[in-house]
Amino acid sequence: MRRWRRTHLGTEADRATFRTLHTASLAAPALREGLTEASAERSVRHLRTLLGTPAAALTDTSGVLAWEGLGHHHVAETTQVIADLSDGAPTRIAATIECSDPRCPVRQLVISPLVVEEVIVGALVVGAPNATGSLVRAANEVAAWVSGQLELARLDDSRTALMEAEVRALRAQISPHFIYNSLGAIASFVRTDPDRARELLLEFADFTRYSFRSHGDYTTLAEELRSVERYLLLEQARFGDRLKVTLRIAPEVLPVAVPFLCIQPLVENAVRHGLEASADKADGVGRLSITARDLDQECLIEVEDDGTGEDPERVRRALAGDASMDSVGLGNVDARLRNAFGDDYGLVVETAPGAGTKVIVRVPKFAPGVQL
């Protein structure tokens, strides 16, 4: 029987590479939040470990945000040096620093600019006894990596701002006619059926409170469908038996996270198109069905109406964001689904003139970065 012997995993170079990558990964989360005092405090100690120097600091263009290691009494001198940074400035080596403390190892500073979108936003400052050529190259590499993380933070902020703008745009598309007509329908019951009028008024208040809430990019499918249910109750109060709704929802998918206001616009389109065609039907009824199914690692949601249908080319233009298309938020919802889950999760629309419309939403049950 051959006995197992413990061996080293890789060469010393492999282990050094692993240590470097691991240390960088510890600094990355803070830097992805942008360049602030808090993020600088949390990341600079890992940057100093990467460089192996007595001191390291992160600055913005006005002063030191965080200093790690020895020589903290040189912060004022560092602030004076970075005041001279300008766009396109190369790495600088400060002249020998006069220091009254003979034990202080910081005698020279290496100033490597941090650049985001071609604009200097701060600097990585390295303090050492001597600014050797290898130290300058190392500082440049680390500063370039930090700049990359700050670029990603700026991109994250832009993406978040875009998603918030898209939700605001979608809220603006909630039909004023729906609001006025809903209130009109509620008013019509005040004398004939006060209890129903009160219930509908509460549903209307909850619907508007949810639609205009100011927190969270995501919600659960259960919350989204509850808002849809309120919307449909208000529409049925207006149209009565002219609107028939069928719901088939698997309980397993109710906790799934979905982008806020991603189902209601699809239902609003379906109601509108279904009712447009109801006048031409023998029974005068528009039909809408909403289905949510469990597909192992995914959730499949379908919103289908038996209305007028649509030219597929017009649907393609609506999904592309053409504002001239008479469609409530299709392009908006499609874009937010793709931003949240990837291009494989955009809307799928099955339609043709006179054949009704089915809109299919497929979302993963679990997705990185999606938090309620």
Protein backbone atom coordinates (compact mmCIF):
# COMPACT_ATOMS: atom_id res chain seq x y z
CA MET A 1 0.00 0.00 0.00
CA ARG A 2 1.41 3.34 -1.10
CA ARG A 3 1.42 5.91 1.64
CA TRP A 4 0.19 9.42 0.83
CA ARG A 5 2.80 12.12 1.29
CA ARG A 6 1.90 15.74 1.77
CA THR A 7 3.49 17.93 -0.91
CA HIS A 8 3.55 21.64 -1.48
CA LEU A 9 0.89 23.03 -3.77
CA GLY A 10 2.80 24.65 -6.61
CA THR A 11 6.08 26.48 -6.74
CA GLU A 12 7.07 29.44 -4.63
CA ALA A 13 6.20 31.65 -7.61
CA ASP A 14 2.72 30.09 -7.73
CA ARG A 15 2.22 30.74 -4.05
CA ALA A 16 3.45 34.33 -4.39
CA THR A 17 1.00 34.88 -7.24
CA PHE A 18 -1.83 33.47 -5.14
CA ARG A 19 -0.93 35.74 -2.22
CA THR A 20 -0.87 38.77 -4.50
CA LEU A 21 -4.24 37.96 -6.06
CA HIS A 22 -5.74 37.24 -2.65
CA THR A 23 -4.50 40.55 -1.23
CA ALA A 24 -5.85 42.43 -4.25
CA SER A 25 -9.22 40.72 -3.84
CA LEU A 26 -9.39 41.98 -0.26
CA ALA A 27 -8.94 45.58 -1.41
CA ALA A 28 -11.32 45.40 -4.37
CA PRO A 29 -14.75 45.49 -2.62
CA ALA A 30 -14.01 48.78 -0.88
CA LEU A 31 -12.59 50.39 -4.03
CA ARG A 32 -15.69 49.35 -5.98
CA GLU A 33 -17.61 51.74 -3.72
CA GLY A 34 -15.67 54.71 -5.10
CA LEU A 35 -12.91 56.88 -3.64
CA THR A 36 -14.03 58.02 -0.19
CA GLU A 37 -12.49 58.19 3.26
CA ALA A 38 -14.28 55.00 4.27
CA SER A 39 -13.24 53.02 1.18
CA ALA A 40 -9.68 54.34 1.40
CA GLU A 41 -9.40 53.31 5.06
CA ARG A 42 -10.57 49.78 4.26
CA SER A 43 -8.41 49.24 1.17
CA VAL A 44 -5.11 51.05 1.79
CA ARG A 45 -3.76 48.51 4.28
CA HIS A 46 -4.10 45.78 1.65
CA LEU A 47 -2.40 48.01 -0.93
CA ARG A 48 0.53 48.53 1.44
CA THR A 49 0.76 44.76 1.87
CA LEU A 50 0.86 44.38 -1.93
CA LEU A 51 3.74 46.84 -2.18
CA GLY A 52 5.58 45.73 0.96
CA THR A 53 6.48 49.29 1.94
CA PRO A 54 6.64 51.04 5.33
CA ALA A 55 3.78 53.40 4.38
CA ALA A 56 1.04 53.87 1.81
CA ALA A 57 -1.77 56.36 1.42
CA LEU A 58 -4.74 57.09 -0.80
CA THR A 59 -5.68 60.66 -1.61
CA ASP A 60 -8.23 62.57 -3.60
CA THR A 61 -7.20 65.79 -5.35
CA SER A 62 -7.46 67.86 -2.18
CA GLY A 63 -5.88 65.79 0.55
CA VAL A 64 -5.02 62.46 2.16
CA LEU A 65 -8.03 60.20 2.68
CA ALA A 66 -6.22 57.41 4.53
CA TRP A 67 -2.64 56.71 5.62
CA GLU A 68 -1.44 53.23 6.54
CA GLY A 69 1.80 52.31 8.25
CA LEU A 70 4.62 54.46 9.58
CA GLY A 71 5.38 58.12 8.93
CA HIS A 72 1.86 59.46 9.51
CA HIS A 73 3.43 62.80 10.46
CA HIS A 74 4.23 63.31 6.76
CA VAL A 75 0.56 63.75 5.80
CA ALA A 76 0.92 67.55 5.53
CA GLU A 77 3.90 67.24 3.15
CA THR A 78 1.98 64.69 1.09
CA THR A 79 -0.94 67.09 0.76
CA GLN A 80 1.40 69.74 -0.60
CA VAL A 81 2.82 67.34 -3.18
CA ILE A 82 -0.52 66.14 -4.54
CA ALA A 83 -1.72 69.72 -4.91
CA ASP A 84 0.48 69.89 -8.02
CA LEU A 85 -1.23 66.91 -9.72
CA SER A 86 -2.81 67.72 -13.06
CA ASP A 87 -4.39 65.71 -15.86
CA GLY A 88 -1.77 63.64 -17.63
CA ALA A 89 0.71 64.00 -14.78
CA PRO A 90 3.28 61.19 -14.61
CA THR A 91 4.32 59.38 -11.47
CA ARG A 92 6.34 61.71 -9.28
CA ILE A 93 9.09 61.05 -6.78
CA ALA A 94 9.14 63.57 -3.99
CA ALA A 95 12.51 64.89 -2.95
CA THR A 96 14.10 63.52 0.18
CA ILE A 97 11.87 64.38 3.12
CA GLU A 98 13.35 66.14 6.09
CA CYS A 99 12.34 64.21 9.20
CA SER A 100 13.34 64.85 12.80
CA ASP A 101 12.56 61.26 13.78
CA PRO A 102 15.65 59.14 13.03
CA ARG A 103 13.58 55.96 13.32
CA CYS A 104 11.15 57.02 10.58
CA PRO A 105 11.74 54.90 7.44
CA VAL A 106 9.83 57.28 5.15
CA ARG A 107 12.43 59.38 3.37
CA GLN A 108 10.95 59.53 -0.12
CA LEU A 109 7.42 59.43 -1.54
CA VAL A 110 6.27 57.91 -4.81
CA ILE A 111 3.11 59.66 -6.09
CA SER A 112 1.18 57.62 -8.68
CA PRO A 113 -1.95 59.34 -10.04
CA LEU A 114 -5.33 57.58 -10.01
CA VAL A 115 -7.11 58.19 -13.29
CA VAL A 116 -10.82 57.66 -13.98
CA GLU A 117 -12.18 58.44 -17.45
CA GLU A 118 -8.93 60.25 -18.29
CA VAL A 119 -9.25 62.58 -15.28
CA ILE A 120 -6.99 62.44 -12.22
CA VAL A 121 -9.16 61.82 -9.14
CA GLY A 122 -6.41 61.26 -6.59
CA ALA A 123 -3.18 59.40 -6.03
CA LEU A 124 -1.60 56.33 -4.52
CA VAL A 125 1.25 57.51 -2.31
CA VAL A 126 4.00 55.12 -1.28
CA GLY A 127 6.50 55.98 1.46
CA ALA A 128 9.88 54.23 1.60
CA PRO A 129 13.54 54.83 2.49
CA ASN A 130 14.45 54.95 -1.22
CA ALA A 131 12.31 55.30 -4.32
CA THR A 132 13.96 52.57 -6.38
CA GLY A 133 13.04 51.91 -9.98
CA SER A 134 11.32 48.65 -9.08
CA LEU A 135 9.24 50.40 -6.41
CA VAL A 136 8.14 53.06 -8.91
CA ARG A 137 7.09 50.38 -11.39
CA ALA A 138 5.22 48.48 -8.68
CA ALA A 139 3.46 51.66 -7.53
CA ASN A 140 2.45 52.38 -11.13
CA GLU A 141 0.98 48.90 -11.56
CA VAL A 142 -0.96 49.05 -8.32
CA ALA A 143 -2.21 52.57 -9.09
CA ALA A 144 -3.39 51.39 -12.53
CA TRP A 145 -5.25 48.50 -10.88
CA VAL A 146 -6.84 50.85 -8.31
CA SER A 147 -7.87 53.18 -11.14
CA GLY A 148 -9.53 50.23 -12.86
CA GLN A 149 -11.53 49.42 -9.73
CA LEU A 150 -12.60 53.06 -9.46
CA GLU A 151 -13.65 52.99 -13.12
CA LEU A 152 -15.84 49.98 -12.35
CA ALA A 153 -17.29 51.83 -9.36
CA ARG A 154 -18.16 54.76 -11.64
CA LEU A 155 -19.75 52.32 -14.08
CA ASP A 156 -21.76 50.72 -11.27
CA ASP A 157 -22.98 54.16 -10.21
CA SER A 158 -23.93 54.99 -13.80
CA ARG A 159 -25.78 51.69 -14.18
CA THR A 160 -27.65 52.27 -10.92
CA ALA A 161 -28.56 55.80 -11.95
CA LEU A 162 -29.75 54.50 -15.33
CA MET A 163 -31.95 51.86 -13.72
CA GLU A 164 -33.41 54.44 -11.35
CA ALA A 165 -34.12 56.74 -14.29
CA GLU A 166 -35.78 53.86 -16.15
CA VAL A 167 -38.05 53.14 -13.18
CA ARG A 168 -38.95 56.83 -12.92
CA ALA A 169 -39.74 56.82 -16.63
CA LEU A 170 -41.92 53.75 -16.17
CA ARG A 171 -43.80 55.38 -13.31
CA ALA A 172 -44.41 58.38 -15.54
CA GLN A 173 -45.99 56.03 -18.09
CA ILE A 174 -48.62 54.81 -15.62
CA SER A 175 -51.66 56.09 -17.42
CA PRO A 176 -53.24 59.21 -15.86
CA HIS A 177 -56.48 57.95 -17.41
CA PHE A 178 -56.18 54.80 -15.30
CA ILE A 179 -55.86 56.92 -12.16
CA TYR A 180 -58.78 59.20 -13.06
CA ASN A 181 -60.97 56.35 -14.22
CA SER A 182 -60.21 54.29 -11.12
CA LEU A 183 -61.21 57.16 -8.87
CA GLY A 184 -64.31 57.64 -10.99
CA ALA A 185 -65.22 53.96 -10.60
CA ILE A 186 -64.70 54.18 -6.84
CA ALA A 187 -66.89 57.28 -6.67
CA SER A 188 -69.68 55.46 -8.53
CA PHE A 189 -69.92 52.94 -5.67
CA VAL A 190 -69.96 55.51 -2.86
CA ARG A 191 -73.77 55.66 -2.76
CA THR A 192 -74.73 52.26 -4.17
CA ASP A 193 -72.17 50.10 -2.36
CA PRO A 194 -70.17 52.04 0.27
CA ASP A 195 -68.35 48.94 1.53
CA ARG A 196 -67.02 48.13 -1.92
CA ALA A 197 -66.08 51.77 -2.49
CA ARG A 198 -64.04 51.71 0.73
CA GLU A 199 -62.31 48.45 -0.25
CA LEU A 200 -61.47 49.75 -3.72
CA LEU A 201 -60.14 52.99 -2.27
CA LEU A 202 -57.79 51.01 0.00
CA GLU A 203 -56.66 48.90 -2.97
CA PHE A 204 -56.02 52.07 -4.97
CA ALA A 205 -53.98 53.56 -2.10
CA ASP A 206 -51.90 50.38 -1.80
CA PHE A 207 -51.40 50.23 -5.58
CA THR A 208 -50.11 53.80 -5.81
CA ARG A 209 -47.98 53.38 -2.66
CA TYR A 210 -46.25 50.36 -4.20
CA SER A 211 -45.88 51.91 -7.67
CA PHE A 212 -44.25 55.06 -6.33
CA ARG A 213 -42.14 53.59 -3.55
CA SER A 214 -38.62 54.99 -3.40
CA HIS A 215 -36.52 52.06 -2.17
CA GLY A 216 -35.18 48.93 -3.80
CA ASP A 217 -34.48 47.96 -7.40
CA TYR A 218 -35.94 44.50 -6.82
CA THR A 219 -38.98 42.99 -5.19
CA THR A 220 -40.41 39.51 -4.79
CA LEU A 221 -42.70 38.06 -7.41
CA ALA A 222 -45.33 37.81 -4.65
CA GLU A 223 -45.24 41.59 -4.06
CA GLU A 224 -45.26 42.33 -7.78
CA LEU A 225 -48.25 40.06 -8.36
CA ARG A 226 -50.07 41.58 -5.39
CA SER A 227 -49.74 44.99 -7.04
CA VAL A 228 -50.97 43.48 -10.31
CA GLU A 229 -53.95 42.02 -8.46
CA ARG A 230 -54.83 45.47 -7.10
CA TYR A 231 -54.57 46.93 -10.59
CA LEU A 232 -56.89 44.26 -11.98
CA LEU A 233 -59.43 44.73 -9.18
CA LEU A 234 -59.62 48.42 -10.07
CA GLU A 235 -59.97 47.65 -13.79
CA GLN A 236 -62.69 45.07 -13.14
CA ALA A 237 -64.55 47.66 -11.06
CA ARG A 238 -64.70 49.76 -14.22
CA PHE A 239 -65.39 47.09 -16.83
CA GLY A 240 -67.24 44.44 -14.84
CA ASP A 241 -67.87 41.25 -16.79
CA ARG A 242 -66.14 42.62 -19.90
CA LEU A 243 -62.79 41.61 -18.40
CA LYS A 244 -62.08 38.02 -17.37
CA VAL A 245 -58.82 37.24 -15.58
CA THR A 246 -57.23 33.85 -14.92
CA LEU A 247 -54.31 33.46 -12.51
CA ARG A 248 -52.21 30.28 -12.23
CA ILE A 249 -49.32 30.86 -9.85
CA ALA A 250 -47.02 28.16 -8.46
CA PRO A 251 -46.38 28.89 -4.76
CA GLU A 252 -42.73 27.83 -5.15
CA VAL A 253 -41.88 30.88 -7.26
CA LEU A 254 -43.47 33.58 -5.07
CA PRO A 255 -40.16 34.39 -3.23
CA VAL A 256 -38.21 34.82 -6.50
CA ALA A 257 -36.59 38.26 -6.89
CA VAL A 258 -37.67 40.29 -9.94
CA PRO A 259 -37.01 43.88 -11.02
CA PHE A 260 -39.48 46.31 -9.50
CA LEU A 261 -42.45 47.06 -11.79
CA CYS A 262 -41.58 44.42 -14.37
CA ILE A 263 -44.93 42.57 -14.58
CA GLN A 264 -47.51 45.33 -14.20
CA PRO A 265 -46.67 47.08 -17.52
CA LEU A 266 -47.14 43.77 -19.33
CA VAL A 267 -50.53 43.29 -17.68
CA GLU A 268 -51.57 46.87 -18.49
CA ASN A 269 -50.77 46.27 -22.16
CA ALA A 270 -52.70 43.00 -22.11
CA VAL A 271 -55.78 44.60 -20.53
CA ARG A 272 -55.76 47.42 -23.03
CA HIS A 273 -55.41 45.17 -26.06
CA GLY A 274 -57.84 42.58 -24.74
CA LEU A 275 -60.56 45.14 -24.15
CA GLU A 276 -59.96 46.76 -27.54
CA ALA A 277 -60.96 43.49 -29.21
CA SER A 278 -63.83 42.62 -26.86
CA ALA A 279 -66.37 44.78 -28.71
CA ASP A 280 -65.95 42.63 -31.82
CA LYS A 281 -66.49 39.35 -29.97
CA ALA A 282 -69.82 37.55 -29.67
CA ASP A 283 -69.69 37.66 -25.87
CA GLY A 284 -68.00 41.07 -25.65
CA VAL A 285 -65.40 39.77 -23.21
CA GLY A 286 -61.64 40.38 -23.13
CA ARG A 287 -59.63 37.59 -21.52
CA LEU A 288 -56.30 37.79 -19.73
CA SER A 289 -54.27 35.02 -18.15
CA ILE A 290 -51.21 35.29 -15.90
CA THR A 291 -49.14 32.18 -15.27
CA ALA A 292 -46.04 31.70 -13.13
CA ARG A 293 -44.35 28.29 -13.20
CA ASP A 294 -41.43 26.63 -11.48
CA LEU A 295 -38.76 25.44 -13.94
CA ASP A 296 -36.11 24.04 -11.60
CA GLN A 297 -33.47 26.83 -11.57
CA GLU A 298 -35.74 29.36 -13.25
CA CYS A 299 -39.18 30.91 -12.96
CA LEU A 300 -41.34 31.30 -16.09
CA ILE A 301 -44.00 34.03 -16.13
CA GLU A 302 -46.48 34.40 -19.01
CA VAL A 303 -48.96 37.22 -19.57
CA GLU A 304 -51.41 36.41 -22.37
CA ASP A 305 -54.43 38.18 -23.83
CA ASP A 306 -56.87 37.24 -26.60
CA GLY A 307 -56.92 40.76 -27.99
CA THR A 308 -56.07 42.41 -31.28
CA GLY A 309 -52.50 41.17 -31.48
CA GLU A 310 -49.71 43.21 -33.02
CA ASP A 311 -47.37 43.37 -35.97
CA PRO A 312 -44.13 41.65 -34.83
CA GLU A 313 -42.07 44.42 -36.39
CA ARG A 314 -43.82 47.01 -34.23
CA VAL A 315 -43.13 44.85 -31.18
CA ARG A 316 -39.46 44.66 -32.15
CA ARG A 317 -39.36 48.47 -32.32
CA ALA A 318 -41.09 48.75 -28.93
CA LEU A 319 -38.54 46.41 -27.36
CA ALA A 320 -35.79 48.52 -28.89
CA GLY A 321 -37.17 51.54 -27.00
CA ASP A 322 -39.01 53.33 -29.83
CA ALA A 323 -41.10 55.89 -27.90
CA SER A 324 -43.55 56.26 -30.81
CA MET A 325 -44.89 52.74 -30.23
CA ASP A 326 -48.15 52.55 -28.28
CA SER A 327 -46.84 50.17 -25.68
CA VAL A 328 -46.48 50.74 -21.95
CA GLY A 329 -42.87 50.18 -20.97
CA LEU A 330 -42.03 47.05 -23.01
CA GLY A 331 -38.57 48.35 -23.92
CA ASN A 332 -38.05 49.58 -20.37
CA VAL A 333 -38.90 46.20 -18.82
CA ASP A 334 -36.82 44.32 -21.39
CA ALA A 335 -33.76 46.51 -20.73
CA ARG A 336 -34.01 46.15 -16.95
CA LEU A 337 -34.38 42.37 -17.16
CA ARG A 338 -31.27 42.17 -19.34
CA ASN A 339 -29.34 44.50 -17.01
CA ALA A 340 -30.30 42.40 -14.00
CA PHE A 341 -29.88 38.87 -15.35
CA GLY A 342 -28.05 39.07 -18.71
CA ASP A 343 -29.12 39.10 -22.34
CA ASP A 344 -30.54 35.59 -22.14
CA TYR A 345 -33.36 36.92 -19.96
CA GLY A 346 -35.01 39.57 -22.13
CA LEU A 347 -38.71 39.57 -22.96
CA VAL A 348 -40.05 37.09 -25.51
CA VAL A 349 -43.23 38.27 -27.29
CA GLU A 350 -45.42 35.94 -29.36
CA THR A 351 -48.01 37.84 -31.38
CA ALA A 352 -49.58 38.46 -34.77
CA PRO A 353 -52.46 40.68 -35.96
CA GLY A 354 -55.75 39.19 -34.76
CA ALA A 355 -54.05 36.40 -32.81
CA GLY A 356 -53.66 37.92 -29.34
CA THR A 357 -50.35 38.37 -27.53
CA LYS A 358 -48.26 36.33 -25.13
CA VAL A 359 -45.34 37.92 -23.29
CA ILE A 360 -42.89 35.53 -21.64
CA VAL A 361 -40.62 36.51 -18.78
CA ARG A 362 -37.94 34.07 -17.66
CA VAL A 363 -35.89 34.86 -14.55
CA PRO A 364 -33.33 32.83 -12.59
CA LYS A 365 -34.28 31.90 -9.06
CA PHE A 366 -30.85 33.00 -7.87
CA ALA A 367 -28.66 35.63 -9.51
CA PRO A 368 -25.41 37.28 -8.28
CA GLY A 369 -25.83 40.91 -7.33
CA VAL A 370 -29.63 40.71 -7.10
CA GLN A 371 -30.67 41.58 -3.55
CA LEU A 372 -34.02 42.46 -2.05
